[in-house]
């Protein structure tokens, strides 16, 4: 699974007031794994990890992770630093839910 946008994921975690360690524990994933996904050091993870993180955030599947890489990123080892807004969403700094993203 690919992270749609690390900055948006990070902003949502911050909005909820969760620490990385608390979210990692809630999702049952390693802190390092979560940190790497949030910072863009890693662009993808297992299906189980993606779904566990979204469930721990109270989100339906597919909000922050996608099975297919974005069209402009096909390298499986690529990071997502410098990416624009999530696919299918305007990069105006606000998601449809009204949550601002960086």
Protein backbone atom coordinates (compact mmCIF):
# COMPACT_ATOMS: atom_id res chain seq x y z
CA UNK A 1 0.00 0.00 0.00
CA UNK A 2 1.23 3.50 -0.82
CA UNK A 3 0.88 6.57 1.38
CA UNK A 4 -1.26 9.05 -0.53
CA UNK A 5 0.33 12.10 1.12
CA UNK A 6 2.56 11.99 4.19
CA UNK A 7 1.98 15.65 5.05
CA UNK A 8 -1.78 15.13 5.14
CA UNK A 9 -1.42 12.01 7.26
CA UNK A 10 0.91 13.87 9.64
CA UNK A 11 -1.50 16.81 9.88
CA UNK A 12 -4.42 14.51 10.71
CA UNK A 13 -2.44 12.75 13.44
CA UNK A 14 -1.55 16.16 14.88
CA UNK A 15 -5.17 17.33 14.62
CA UNK A 16 -6.25 14.33 16.69
CA UNK A 17 -3.58 15.16 19.28
CA UNK A 18 -1.96 11.74 19.02
CA UNK A 19 1.73 11.15 19.50
CA UNK A 20 3.48 8.84 17.06
CA UNK A 21 4.05 6.32 19.84
CA UNK A 22 0.41 6.39 20.93
CA UNK A 23 -0.83 5.91 17.36
CA UNK A 24 1.69 3.12 16.73
CA UNK A 25 0.53 1.32 19.87
CA UNK A 26 -3.14 1.82 19.01
CA UNK A 27 -2.55 0.47 15.49
CA UNK A 28 -0.28 -2.36 16.60
CA UNK A 29 2.59 -1.27 14.35
CA UNK A 30 6.16 -0.37 15.15
CA UNK A 31 6.95 3.22 16.05
CA UNK A 32 9.78 3.33 13.49
CA UNK A 33 7.45 2.10 10.74
CA UNK A 34 4.88 4.76 11.55
CA UNK A 35 7.53 7.48 11.80
CA UNK A 36 8.96 6.56 8.41
CA UNK A 37 5.52 6.70 6.81
CA UNK A 38 4.68 10.04 8.43
CA UNK A 39 7.96 11.67 7.43
CA UNK A 40 8.13 10.31 3.90
CA UNK A 41 11.19 8.19 4.57
CA UNK A 42 9.04 5.27 3.39
CA UNK A 43 6.31 5.58 0.79
CA UNK A 44 4.68 2.19 1.20
CA UNK A 45 3.78 -0.50 3.70
CA UNK A 46 1.83 -3.73 3.94
CA UNK A 47 -1.93 -3.83 3.48
CA UNK A 48 -2.33 -4.85 7.13
CA UNK A 49 -0.23 -1.93 8.36
CA UNK A 50 -2.13 0.58 6.22
CA UNK A 51 -5.53 -0.66 7.35
CA UNK A 52 -4.44 -0.81 11.00
CA UNK A 53 -3.26 2.81 10.91
CA UNK A 54 -6.47 4.01 9.23
CA UNK A 55 -8.60 2.05 11.71
CA UNK A 56 -6.63 3.50 14.64
CA UNK A 57 -7.32 6.97 13.24
CA UNK A 58 -11.04 6.18 12.89
CA UNK A 59 -10.90 6.45 9.10
CA UNK A 60 -12.39 4.16 6.47
CA UNK A 61 -9.95 2.18 4.32
CA UNK A 62 -8.36 4.12 1.50
CA UNK A 63 -8.29 7.58 3.06
CA UNK A 64 -4.53 7.77 3.59
CA UNK A 65 -3.27 4.70 1.69
CA UNK A 66 -3.79 3.41 -1.85
CA UNK A 67 -2.99 0.05 -3.41
CA UNK A 68 -1.60 1.63 -6.58
CA UNK A 69 1.30 4.04 -6.67
CA UNK A 70 0.54 7.52 -7.95
CA UNK A 71 1.20 7.86 -11.69
CA UNK A 72 4.25 10.04 -11.10
CA UNK A 73 5.85 7.59 -8.65
CA UNK A 74 6.52 4.06 -9.84
CA UNK A 75 9.80 3.40 -8.01
CA UNK A 76 8.88 1.11 -5.07
CA UNK A 77 11.68 2.61 -2.98
CA UNK A 78 10.64 6.20 -3.67
CA UNK A 79 9.82 8.59 -0.90
CA UNK A 80 6.99 11.06 -0.99
CA UNK A 81 8.87 14.18 -0.05
CA UNK A 82 7.82 17.08 -2.21
CA UNK A 83 4.57 15.46 -3.29
CA UNK A 84 1.47 17.50 -3.93
CA UNK A 85 -1.99 16.87 -2.50
CA UNK A 86 -3.48 13.38 -2.44
CA UNK A 87 -4.57 12.02 -5.80
CA UNK A 88 -8.01 13.20 -6.77
CA UNK A 89 -7.92 16.09 -4.33
CA UNK A 90 -7.08 19.72 -5.02
CA UNK A 91 -3.81 20.92 -3.57
CA UNK A 92 -5.34 24.04 -2.07
CA UNK A 93 -4.38 23.14 1.47
CA UNK A 94 -7.85 21.94 2.50
CA UNK A 95 -9.31 18.47 2.18
CA UNK A 96 -12.99 17.94 1.42
CA UNK A 97 -13.50 17.16 5.11
CA UNK A 98 -12.34 20.69 5.93
CA UNK A 99 -9.08 19.47 7.48
CA UNK A 100 -6.14 21.59 6.40
CA UNK A 101 -3.10 19.82 5.09
CA UNK A 102 0.47 21.04 4.66
